[in-house]
Amino acid sequence: MRKIGKVSTVDEYLAAVPEPAQSTLRKVRAAIVTAAPADAVESISYGMPMFKWNRTMIAGYAAFKDHCSLYPGSEAIEVFAEELKKYPTAKGTIRFPAGKPLPANLIRKIVKHRIADIESRKLARK
């Protein structure tokens, strides 16, 4: 995969990603959109598409030479460890094949968990 240069929008990012990773990331994006709050903001952050809500990261996603990744944070990976056991993970990262996205229902569960976590942290600060 060619290196994605500096982009300013998610659509530019996705257009620069070759197939099959582009289709995979579009499916990941669609799953996040269905689970994220309507007022979540999608932008480019750290050079990749990122969803934020209440100024807090929900999840990011990106394409690489041999895989794609979802970035929901390390706490979410711990919570869903059993369901993620067939995917390589690292601190805050889930890797999956460029041509095979994570199951949409799992992505939605992770996003909903992140939203609940963001809300609980906000309440704890009050």
N, C-alpha and C. Protein backbone atom coordinates (compact mmCIF):
# COMPACT_ATOMS: atom_id res chain seq x y z
N MET A 1 0.84 -1.18 0.00
CA MET A 1 0.00 0.00 0.00
C MET A 1 0.89 1.24 0.00
N ARG A 2 0.50 2.20 -0.80
CA ARG A 2 1.27 3.45 -0.81
C ARG A 2 0.99 4.22 0.48
N LYS A 3 1.95 5.01 0.88
CA LYS A 3 1.77 5.81 2.09
C LYS A 3 0.73 6.89 1.81
N ILE A 4 -0.20 7.02 2.75
CA ILE A 4 -1.23 8.05 2.62
C ILE A 4 -0.61 9.37 3.06
N GLY A 5 -0.65 10.33 2.18
CA GLY A 5 -0.09 11.64 2.49
C GLY A 5 -1.01 12.41 3.42
N LYS A 6 -0.68 13.65 3.61
CA LYS A 6 -1.48 14.50 4.48
C LYS A 6 -2.86 14.71 3.86
N VAL A 7 -3.88 14.39 4.64
CA VAL A 7 -5.27 14.58 4.19
C VAL A 7 -5.99 15.41 5.24
N SER A 8 -7.05 16.09 4.81
CA SER A 8 -7.77 16.92 5.77
C SER A 8 -9.17 16.41 6.06
N THR A 9 -9.66 15.44 5.26
CA THR A 9 -10.99 14.90 5.52
C THR A 9 -10.96 13.37 5.50
N VAL A 10 -11.96 12.79 6.12
CA VAL A 10 -12.07 11.33 6.13
C VAL A 10 -12.29 10.81 4.72
N ASP A 11 -13.09 11.49 3.94
CA ASP A 11 -13.32 11.05 2.56
C ASP A 11 -12.02 11.05 1.75
N GLU A 12 -11.17 12.05 1.94
CA GLU A 12 -9.86 12.07 1.27
C GLU A 12 -9.02 10.89 1.72
N TYR A 13 -9.02 10.61 3.01
CA TYR A 13 -8.26 9.48 3.55
C TYR A 13 -8.72 8.19 2.88
N LEU A 14 -10.03 7.95 2.91
CA LEU A 14 -10.56 6.69 2.36
C LEU A 14 -10.30 6.58 0.87
N ALA A 15 -10.39 7.68 0.14
CA ALA A 15 -10.12 7.66 -1.30
C ALA A 15 -8.68 7.27 -1.59
N ALA A 16 -7.76 7.57 -0.68
CA ALA A 16 -6.35 7.27 -0.87
C ALA A 16 -5.99 5.83 -0.51
N VAL A 17 -6.90 5.12 0.13
CA VAL A 17 -6.64 3.75 0.56
C VAL A 17 -7.01 2.79 -0.58
N PRO A 18 -6.08 1.92 -1.00
CA PRO A 18 -6.41 0.98 -2.07
C PRO A 18 -7.32 -0.15 -1.58
N GLU A 19 -7.96 -0.81 -2.53
CA GLU A 19 -8.76 -1.99 -2.21
C GLU A 19 -7.81 -3.15 -1.88
N PRO A 20 -8.20 -4.09 -1.03
CA PRO A 20 -9.50 -4.24 -0.40
C PRO A 20 -9.66 -3.44 0.90
N ALA A 21 -8.58 -2.79 1.33
CA ALA A 21 -8.64 -2.08 2.62
C ALA A 21 -9.67 -0.96 2.60
N GLN A 22 -9.85 -0.30 1.47
CA GLN A 22 -10.82 0.79 1.41
C GLN A 22 -12.23 0.31 1.73
N SER A 23 -12.66 -0.78 1.11
CA SER A 23 -13.99 -1.33 1.39
C SER A 23 -14.10 -1.77 2.84
N THR A 24 -13.04 -2.36 3.35
CA THR A 24 -13.03 -2.80 4.75
C THR A 24 -13.22 -1.62 5.69
N LEU A 25 -12.48 -0.54 5.45
CA LEU A 25 -12.59 0.63 6.33
C LEU A 25 -13.95 1.31 6.18
N ARG A 26 -14.53 1.27 5.00
CA ARG A 26 -15.87 1.84 4.83
C ARG A 26 -16.89 1.05 5.67
N LYS A 27 -16.72 -0.25 5.76
CA LYS A 27 -17.61 -1.07 6.60
C LYS A 27 -17.39 -0.77 8.08
N VAL A 28 -16.13 -0.60 8.48
CA VAL A 28 -15.82 -0.24 9.86
C VAL A 28 -16.46 1.11 10.19
N ARG A 29 -16.28 2.06 9.30
CA ARG A 29 -16.86 3.40 9.49
C ARG A 29 -18.38 3.32 9.64
N ALA A 30 -19.04 2.56 8.79
CA ALA A 30 -20.50 2.43 8.84
C ALA A 30 -20.95 1.82 10.17
N ALA A 31 -20.23 0.84 10.66
CA ALA A 31 -20.58 0.22 11.94
C ALA A 31 -20.42 1.22 13.09
N ILE A 32 -19.36 2.02 13.05
CA ILE A 32 -19.16 3.03 14.09
C ILE A 32 -20.29 4.06 14.04
N VAL A 33 -20.63 4.51 12.85
CA VAL A 33 -21.69 5.52 12.70
C VAL A 33 -23.01 5.03 13.29
N THR A 34 -23.34 3.76 13.09
CA THR A 34 -24.62 3.25 13.59
C THR A 34 -24.67 3.18 15.11
N ALA A 35 -23.51 3.09 15.76
CA ALA A 35 -23.48 2.96 17.23
C ALA A 35 -23.12 4.26 17.94
N ALA A 36 -22.49 5.17 17.25
CA ALA A 36 -22.05 6.42 17.89
C ALA A 36 -23.23 7.38 18.04
N PRO A 37 -23.16 8.27 19.02
CA PRO A 37 -24.20 9.28 19.17
C PRO A 37 -24.28 10.16 17.91
N ALA A 38 -25.46 10.68 17.65
CA ALA A 38 -25.67 11.51 16.46
C ALA A 38 -24.76 12.74 16.45
N ASP A 39 -24.37 13.21 17.63
CA ASP A 39 -23.52 14.40 17.69
C ASP A 39 -22.03 14.06 17.79
N ALA A 40 -21.67 12.82 17.54
CA ALA A 40 -20.25 12.46 17.48
C ALA A 40 -19.64 13.16 16.28
N VAL A 41 -18.37 13.50 16.40
CA VAL A 41 -17.66 14.23 15.35
C VAL A 41 -16.62 13.32 14.73
N GLU A 42 -16.61 13.28 13.42
CA GLU A 42 -15.62 12.49 12.69
C GLU A 42 -14.62 13.44 12.05
N SER A 43 -13.35 13.17 12.26
CA SER A 43 -12.31 14.04 11.70
C SER A 43 -11.03 13.24 11.53
N ILE A 44 -10.02 13.91 11.02
CA ILE A 44 -8.70 13.30 10.92
C ILE A 44 -7.92 13.73 12.16
N SER A 45 -7.40 12.76 12.87
CA SER A 45 -6.60 13.02 14.06
C SER A 45 -5.45 12.01 14.07
N TYR A 46 -4.25 12.47 14.32
CA TYR A 46 -3.08 11.61 14.26
C TYR A 46 -2.96 10.93 12.90
N GLY A 47 -3.41 11.61 11.84
CA GLY A 47 -3.28 11.10 10.49
C GLY A 47 -4.27 10.01 10.10
N MET A 48 -5.30 9.78 10.92
CA MET A 48 -6.28 8.74 10.61
C MET A 48 -7.69 9.22 10.94
N PRO A 49 -8.70 8.56 10.38
CA PRO A 49 -10.07 8.90 10.75
C PRO A 49 -10.33 8.58 12.22
N MET A 50 -11.02 9.50 12.88
CA MET A 50 -11.27 9.37 14.31
C MET A 50 -12.66 9.89 14.62
N PHE A 51 -13.36 9.16 15.46
CA PHE A 51 -14.65 9.63 15.98
C PHE A 51 -14.44 10.11 17.40
N LYS A 52 -14.97 11.30 17.69
CA LYS A 52 -14.90 11.85 19.04
C LYS A 52 -16.29 12.26 19.49
N TRP A 53 -16.48 12.19 20.78
CA TRP A 53 -17.74 12.61 21.36
C TRP A 53 -17.43 13.32 22.66
N ASN A 54 -18.02 14.47 22.86
CA ASN A 54 -17.70 15.30 24.05
C ASN A 54 -16.20 15.50 24.17
N ARG A 55 -15.57 15.73 23.05
CA ARG A 55 -14.12 15.98 22.97
C ARG A 55 -13.27 14.79 23.41
N THR A 56 -13.85 13.60 23.45
CA THR A 56 -13.12 12.40 23.85
C THR A 56 -13.16 11.38 22.72
N MET A 57 -12.03 10.73 22.47
CA MET A 57 -11.93 9.74 21.41
C MET A 57 -12.84 8.55 21.68
N ILE A 58 -13.67 8.22 20.69
CA ILE A 58 -14.45 6.98 20.75
C ILE A 58 -13.63 5.87 20.11
N ALA A 59 -13.24 6.08 18.85
CA ALA A 59 -12.43 5.10 18.13
C ALA A 59 -11.87 5.73 16.87
N GLY A 60 -10.70 5.24 16.49
CA GLY A 60 -10.09 5.61 15.22
C GLY A 60 -9.87 4.35 14.42
N TYR A 61 -9.58 4.51 13.14
CA TYR A 61 -9.30 3.36 12.30
C TYR A 61 -8.33 3.76 11.21
N ALA A 62 -7.57 2.78 10.70
CA ALA A 62 -6.55 3.10 9.71
C ALA A 62 -6.19 1.87 8.89
N ALA A 63 -5.59 2.13 7.73
CA ALA A 63 -5.09 1.07 6.86
C ALA A 63 -3.57 1.10 6.85
N PHE A 64 -2.99 -0.08 6.77
CA PHE A 64 -1.55 -0.25 6.69
C PHE A 64 -1.24 -1.21 5.54
N LYS A 65 0.01 -1.48 5.31
CA LYS A 65 0.41 -2.32 4.18
C LYS A 65 -0.27 -3.70 4.22
N ASP A 66 -0.25 -4.35 5.36
CA ASP A 66 -0.73 -5.73 5.43
C ASP A 66 -1.98 -5.92 6.28
N HIS A 67 -2.52 -4.85 6.83
CA HIS A 67 -3.67 -4.99 7.73
C HIS A 67 -4.39 -3.65 7.90
N CYS A 68 -5.51 -3.72 8.58
CA CYS A 68 -6.21 -2.52 9.04
C CYS A 68 -6.25 -2.57 10.56
N SER A 69 -6.51 -1.46 11.19
CA SER A 69 -6.57 -1.41 12.65
C SER A 69 -7.74 -0.56 13.11
N LEU A 70 -8.26 -0.96 14.27
CA LEU A 70 -9.26 -0.18 14.99
C LEU A 70 -8.61 0.24 16.29
N TYR A 71 -8.80 1.48 16.69
CA TYR A 71 -8.19 2.04 17.90
C TYR A 71 -9.28 2.46 18.89
N PRO A 72 -9.78 1.55 19.71
CA PRO A 72 -10.82 1.91 20.67
C PRO A 72 -10.28 2.21 22.07
N GLY A 73 -8.98 2.12 22.26
CA GLY A 73 -8.40 2.30 23.58
C GLY A 73 -8.18 0.96 24.28
N SER A 74 -7.23 0.92 25.18
CA SER A 74 -6.85 -0.34 25.81
C SER A 74 -7.93 -0.91 26.73
N GLU A 75 -8.71 -0.07 27.37
CA GLU A 75 -9.74 -0.56 28.29
C GLU A 75 -10.79 -1.37 27.53
N ALA A 76 -11.19 -0.90 26.37
CA ALA A 76 -12.18 -1.61 25.57
C ALA A 76 -11.62 -2.95 25.10
N ILE A 77 -10.35 -3.00 24.78
CA ILE A 77 -9.74 -4.26 24.36
C ILE A 77 -9.74 -5.27 25.50
N GLU A 78 -9.48 -4.81 26.70
CA GLU A 78 -9.54 -5.70 27.87
C GLU A 78 -10.95 -6.24 28.08
N VAL A 79 -11.95 -5.38 27.98
CA VAL A 79 -13.34 -5.78 28.20
C VAL A 79 -13.78 -6.82 27.17
N PHE A 80 -13.35 -6.68 25.93
CA PHE A 80 -13.78 -7.58 24.86
C PHE A 80 -12.70 -8.60 24.49
N ALA A 81 -11.79 -8.88 25.41
CA ALA A 81 -10.67 -9.78 25.14
C ALA A 81 -11.11 -11.14 24.60
N GLU A 82 -12.16 -11.72 25.15
CA GLU A 82 -12.61 -13.03 24.70
C GLU A 82 -13.07 -12.98 23.23
N GLU A 83 -13.82 -11.96 22.88
CA GLU A 83 -14.31 -11.83 21.51
C GLU A 83 -13.22 -11.42 20.52
N LEU A 84 -12.12 -10.88 21.05
CA LEU A 84 -11.02 -10.42 20.19
C LEU A 84 -9.86 -11.41 20.14
N LYS A 85 -10.01 -12.57 20.78
CA LYS A 85 -8.86 -13.46 20.90
C LYS A 85 -8.28 -13.95 19.57
N LYS A 86 -9.07 -13.93 18.50
CA LYS A 86 -8.51 -14.37 17.22
C LYS A 86 -7.86 -13.23 16.42
N TYR A 87 -7.84 -12.04 17.01
CA TYR A 87 -7.22 -10.88 16.36
C TYR A 87 -5.99 -10.45 17.14
N PRO A 88 -4.91 -10.07 16.44
CA PRO A 88 -3.76 -9.51 17.15
C PRO A 88 -4.14 -8.16 17.78
N THR A 89 -3.78 -7.99 19.01
CA THR A 89 -4.03 -6.72 19.69
C THR A 89 -2.75 -6.21 20.32
N ALA A 90 -2.70 -4.93 20.52
CA ALA A 90 -1.62 -4.27 21.24
C ALA A 90 -2.30 -3.19 22.06
N LYS A 91 -1.56 -2.46 22.82
CA LYS A 91 -2.16 -1.43 23.67
C LYS A 91 -3.03 -0.49 22.83
N GLY A 92 -4.34 -0.62 22.99
CA GLY A 92 -5.27 0.27 22.32
C GLY A 92 -5.56 -0.04 20.86
N THR A 93 -5.02 -1.14 20.32
CA THR A 93 -5.12 -1.44 18.90
C THR A 93 -5.63 -2.86 18.65
N ILE A 94 -6.53 -2.98 17.68
CA ILE A 94 -6.98 -4.28 17.20
C ILE A 94 -6.62 -4.34 15.72
N ARG A 95 -5.88 -5.37 15.32
CA ARG A 95 -5.50 -5.52 13.91
C ARG A 95 -6.36 -6.60 13.27
N PHE A 96 -6.68 -6.39 12.00
CA PHE A 96 -7.47 -7.37 11.25
C PHE A 96 -7.08 -7.29 9.78
N PRO A 97 -7.35 -8.36 9.01
CA PRO A 97 -6.94 -8.38 7.61
C PRO A 97 -7.54 -7.24 6.80
N ALA A 98 -6.78 -6.75 5.85
CA ALA A 98 -7.24 -5.63 5.02
C ALA A 98 -8.52 -5.96 4.26
N GLY A 99 -8.74 -7.21 3.96
CA GLY A 99 -9.92 -7.59 3.20
C GLY A 99 -11.04 -8.18 4.04
N LYS A 100 -10.90 -8.12 5.36
CA LYS A 100 -11.93 -8.73 6.21
C LYS A 100 -12.12 -7.89 7.47
N PRO A 101 -13.15 -7.05 7.49
CA PRO A 101 -13.35 -6.17 8.66
C PRO A 101 -13.76 -6.97 9.90
N LEU A 102 -13.57 -6.35 11.03
CA LEU A 102 -14.12 -6.92 12.26
C LEU A 102 -15.63 -7.05 12.08
N PRO A 103 -16.26 -8.00 12.75
CA PRO A 103 -17.72 -8.10 12.65
C PRO A 103 -18.39 -6.78 13.09
N ALA A 104 -19.37 -6.34 12.31
CA ALA A 104 -20.05 -5.07 12.59
C ALA A 104 -20.67 -5.07 13.98
N ASN A 105 -21.24 -6.20 14.40
CA ASN A 105 -21.87 -6.24 15.72
C ASN A 105 -20.82 -6.06 16.82
N LEU A 106 -19.63 -6.56 16.63
CA LEU A 106 -18.57 -6.38 17.63
C LEU A 106 -18.12 -4.92 17.67
N ILE A 107 -17.98 -4.30 16.50
CA ILE A 107 -17.60 -2.89 16.46
C ILE A 107 -18.66 -2.06 17.19
N ARG A 108 -19.92 -2.34 16.92
CA ARG A 108 -21.00 -1.58 17.59
C ARG A 108 -20.96 -1.77 19.10
N LYS A 109 -20.71 -2.99 19.56
CA LYS A 109 -20.61 -3.24 21.00
C LYS A 109 -19.45 -2.47 21.62
N ILE A 110 -18.32 -2.44 20.93
CA ILE A 110 -17.15 -1.71 21.42
C ILE A 110 -17.46 -0.22 21.50
N VAL A 111 -18.08 0.32 20.45
CA VAL A 111 -18.41 1.76 20.43
C VAL A 111 -19.40 2.09 21.55
N LYS A 112 -20.42 1.29 21.72
CA LYS A 112 -21.40 1.54 22.79
C LYS A 112 -20.73 1.47 24.16
N HIS A 113 -19.79 0.55 24.31
CA HIS A 113 -19.04 0.47 25.57
C HIS A 113 -18.22 1.75 25.78
N ARG A 114 -17.57 2.22 24.71
CA ARG A 114 -16.78 3.46 24.82
C ARG A 114 -17.66 4.63 25.22
N ILE A 115 -18.86 4.71 24.66
CA ILE A 115 -19.78 5.80 25.00
C ILE A 115 -20.15 5.72 26.48
N ALA A 116 -20.50 4.54 26.93
CA ALA A 116 -20.85 4.35 28.35
C ALA A 116 -19.66 4.72 29.24
N ASP A 117 -18.46 4.35 28.82
CA ASP A 117 -17.26 4.66 29.59
C ASP A 117 -17.03 6.17 29.65
N ILE A 118 -17.21 6.84 28.53
CA ILE A 118 -17.05 8.31 28.49
C ILE A 118 -18.06 8.96 29.42
N GLU A 119 -19.31 8.51 29.36
CA GLU A 119 -20.36 9.07 30.24
C GLU A 119 -20.04 8.83 31.71
N SER A 120 -19.58 7.63 32.06
CA SER A 120 -19.30 7.34 33.46
C SER A 120 -18.12 8.15 33.97
N ARG A 121 -17.12 8.37 33.13
CA ARG A 121 -15.98 9.19 33.55
C ARG A 121 -16.40 10.64 33.74
N LYS A 122 -17.30 11.10 32.87
CA LYS A 122 -17.80 12.48 32.99
C LYS A 122 -18.57 12.64 34.32
N LEU A 123 -19.40 11.66 34.66
CA LEU A 123 -20.15 11.71 35.93
C LEU A 123 -19.21 11.63 37.13
N ALA A 124 -18.16 10.84 37.02
CA ALA A 124 -17.21 10.69 38.14
C ALA A 124 -16.46 11.99 38.41
N ARG A 125 -16.27 12.80 37.38
CA ARG A 125 -15.54 14.07 37.56
C ARG A 125 -16.40 15.12 38.25
N LYS A 126 -17.72 14.94 38.22
CA LYS A 126 -18.61 15.94 38.80
C LYS A 126 -18.69 15.81 40.29
